[in-house]
Each structure stands twice: as structure tokens, then as C-alpha cells.
């Protein structure tokens, strides 16, 4: 379990989990929100959700995001998570464990943000 601190991103608190939001205005590029992903408080699980949006799906982002995760965290356990908000038609999104490298999360998120901007 880690205390997540990101310098270049906004953390939005929710019930039991926190959203990681981009400070770049991704909505102006066509993304539905600035939320890149989320993490469950009290765990080291990072869920990268933006690739599962309709825009993300049309751009094939989840596959690119998975490659980015594995390049930055090669020894992590990468899995897929299905949404838990009751909507069965939403796709899975990449989830990984932030094992022993919490300081690398900010750098990863910067690369993720760049990937999203470049994909448009």
C-alpha cells in the first residue's frame, strides 16, 4: 500500500477510490473526461480506464497502454478489470500493481498523457 502523490496531475477523491486526472485539457481533444485512471485507496492497484472510453476504443488505446505499462513496469502483474458500475457493455481496462516503484507513477502518467495526445 502506497500514499500516491503525483506532481503533474489532479487527484479527485471518491468513495474508496481516487481518480487520477490530467491537467491537460483532454476533453478539448475529444476525450470524454480528463480522468486517466483510478486507484483503490489502501491498495497498490492502478486501473488505467481512459482507453476503454468510446474514443479510446476507436483509437485502440488499451493495447498501447498495456505496452506502455509493461515497458515502465516490466515485472508487474498486468491484468484486465471489468467496470464495477453495473454496465455490462463496457470493455475491460488495463490494471497493474505498483510494486516497489511508487515514485515512477508520475513519470508513467506523463508518458500516458503524451500517448493520448499523440493518438488524436
Protein backbone atom coordinates (compact mmCIF):
# COMPACT_ATOMS: atom_id res chain seq x y z
CA UNK A 1 0.00 0.00 0.00
CA UNK A 2 1.35 3.40 -1.02
CA UNK A 3 0.48 7.01 -0.48
CA UNK A 4 0.01 8.17 -4.07
CA UNK A 5 1.42 11.61 -4.75
CA UNK A 6 1.53 12.99 -8.26
CA UNK A 7 3.08 16.33 -9.13
CA UNK A 8 1.57 16.94 -12.56
CA UNK A 9 -1.91 15.55 -12.08
CA UNK A 10 -5.04 16.18 -10.05
CA UNK A 11 -6.27 13.54 -7.61
CA UNK A 12 -10.05 13.56 -7.21
CA UNK A 13 -11.28 11.73 -4.14
CA UNK A 14 -14.26 9.40 -4.41
CA UNK A 15 -15.75 6.79 -2.10
CA UNK A 16 -12.98 4.25 -1.52
CA UNK A 17 -11.02 5.15 -4.65
CA UNK A 18 -9.35 8.18 -6.19
CA UNK A 19 -9.33 9.32 -9.80
CA UNK A 20 -6.11 10.44 -11.47
CA UNK A 21 -6.95 13.35 -13.73
CA UNK A 22 -4.85 15.02 -16.38
CA UNK A 23 -4.23 18.74 -16.12
CA UNK A 24 -4.05 18.86 -19.92
CA UNK A 25 -7.48 19.55 -21.34
CA UNK A 26 -8.08 16.17 -22.92
CA UNK A 27 -11.77 16.97 -23.35
CA UNK A 28 -10.82 19.61 -25.92
CA UNK A 29 -9.15 16.83 -27.92
CA UNK A 30 -12.33 14.73 -27.91
CA UNK A 31 -11.88 12.55 -24.83
CA UNK A 32 -14.99 12.36 -22.61
CA UNK A 33 -13.09 13.43 -19.48
CA UNK A 34 -9.65 14.20 -18.13
CA UNK A 35 -9.62 11.05 -15.99
CA UNK A 36 -6.70 8.81 -16.91
CA UNK A 37 -7.38 6.13 -14.35
CA UNK A 38 -8.00 5.39 -10.73
CA UNK A 39 -6.66 3.56 -7.75
CA UNK A 40 -8.31 1.95 -4.79
CA UNK A 41 -7.25 3.61 -1.56
CA UNK A 42 -5.35 1.19 0.63
CA UNK A 43 -4.06 -0.88 -2.27
CA UNK A 44 -1.33 -0.65 -4.86
CA UNK A 45 -3.62 -1.38 -7.82
CA UNK A 46 -3.67 1.19 -10.63
CA UNK A 47 -6.52 1.00 -13.13
CA UNK A 48 -5.99 2.85 -16.44
CA UNK A 49 -9.54 3.49 -17.62
CA UNK A 50 -9.30 6.07 -20.40
CA UNK A 51 -8.57 3.53 -23.14
CA UNK A 52 -11.95 1.91 -22.52
CA UNK A 53 -13.91 5.02 -23.47
CA UNK A 54 -15.53 5.08 -26.92
CA UNK A 55 -12.76 7.38 -28.16
CA UNK A 56 -10.11 5.16 -26.57
CA UNK A 57 -11.62 2.05 -28.15
CA UNK A 58 -11.74 3.65 -31.61
CA UNK A 59 -8.04 4.53 -31.28
CA UNK A 60 -7.06 1.08 -29.97
CA UNK A 61 -5.61 2.66 -26.83
CA UNK A 62 -5.83 -0.25 -24.39
CA UNK A 63 -3.27 -2.27 -26.35
CA UNK A 64 -0.92 0.74 -26.49
CA UNK A 65 -1.48 1.41 -22.78
CA UNK A 66 -0.66 -2.21 -21.91
CA UNK A 67 2.61 -1.95 -23.85
CA UNK A 68 3.45 1.29 -22.03
CA UNK A 69 2.71 -0.29 -18.63
CA UNK A 70 4.97 -3.25 -19.38
CA UNK A 71 7.77 -1.02 -20.66
CA UNK A 72 7.69 1.08 -17.49
CA UNK A 73 6.92 -1.70 -15.00
CA UNK A 74 8.25 -4.89 -16.64
CA UNK A 75 7.84 -7.07 -13.55
CA UNK A 76 4.31 -6.00 -12.70
CA UNK A 77 1.25 -8.22 -12.77
CA UNK A 78 -0.80 -6.84 -15.66
CA UNK A 79 -4.44 -7.83 -15.78
CA UNK A 80 -7.75 -6.55 -17.09
CA UNK A 81 -10.58 -5.22 -14.97
CA UNK A 82 -14.23 -5.02 -15.91
CA UNK A 83 -16.14 -1.98 -14.75
CA UNK A 84 -18.00 -2.37 -11.49
CA UNK A 85 -20.66 0.27 -12.06
CA UNK A 86 -23.20 -2.23 -13.36
CA UNK A 87 -22.80 -1.51 -17.06
CA UNK A 88 -22.12 -4.87 -18.72
CA UNK A 89 -21.35 -3.46 -22.18
CA UNK A 90 -18.24 -1.55 -21.11
CA UNK A 91 -14.90 -3.12 -22.04
CA UNK A 92 -12.17 -4.18 -19.68
CA UNK A 93 -9.26 -1.88 -18.94
CA UNK A 94 -5.62 -2.49 -18.02
CA UNK A 95 -4.82 -2.84 -14.33
CA UNK A 96 -1.41 -3.23 -12.77
CA UNK A 97 0.19 -3.40 -9.36
CA UNK A 98 2.54 -0.60 -8.41
CA UNK A 99 5.06 -2.88 -6.72
CA UNK A 100 8.01 -1.12 -5.09
CA UNK A 101 8.01 1.76 -7.62
CA UNK A 102 5.51 4.40 -6.47
CA UNK A 103 7.96 7.15 -7.45
CA UNK A 104 7.69 6.02 -11.11
CA UNK A 105 3.94 6.59 -11.32
CA UNK A 106 4.22 10.31 -12.13
CA UNK A 107 6.66 9.62 -14.99
CA UNK A 108 4.35 6.86 -16.29
CA UNK A 109 1.33 9.17 -16.20
CA UNK A 110 3.25 11.84 -18.15
CA UNK A 111 4.04 9.24 -20.84
CA UNK A 112 0.42 8.08 -20.82
CA UNK A 113 -0.79 11.65 -21.27
CA UNK A 114 1.62 12.11 -24.22
CA UNK A 115 0.39 8.85 -25.77
CA UNK A 116 -3.20 10.11 -25.54
CA UNK A 117 -2.37 13.48 -27.09
CA UNK A 118 -0.34 11.89 -29.89
CA UNK A 119 -3.10 9.37 -30.65
CA UNK A 120 -5.60 12.05 -31.66
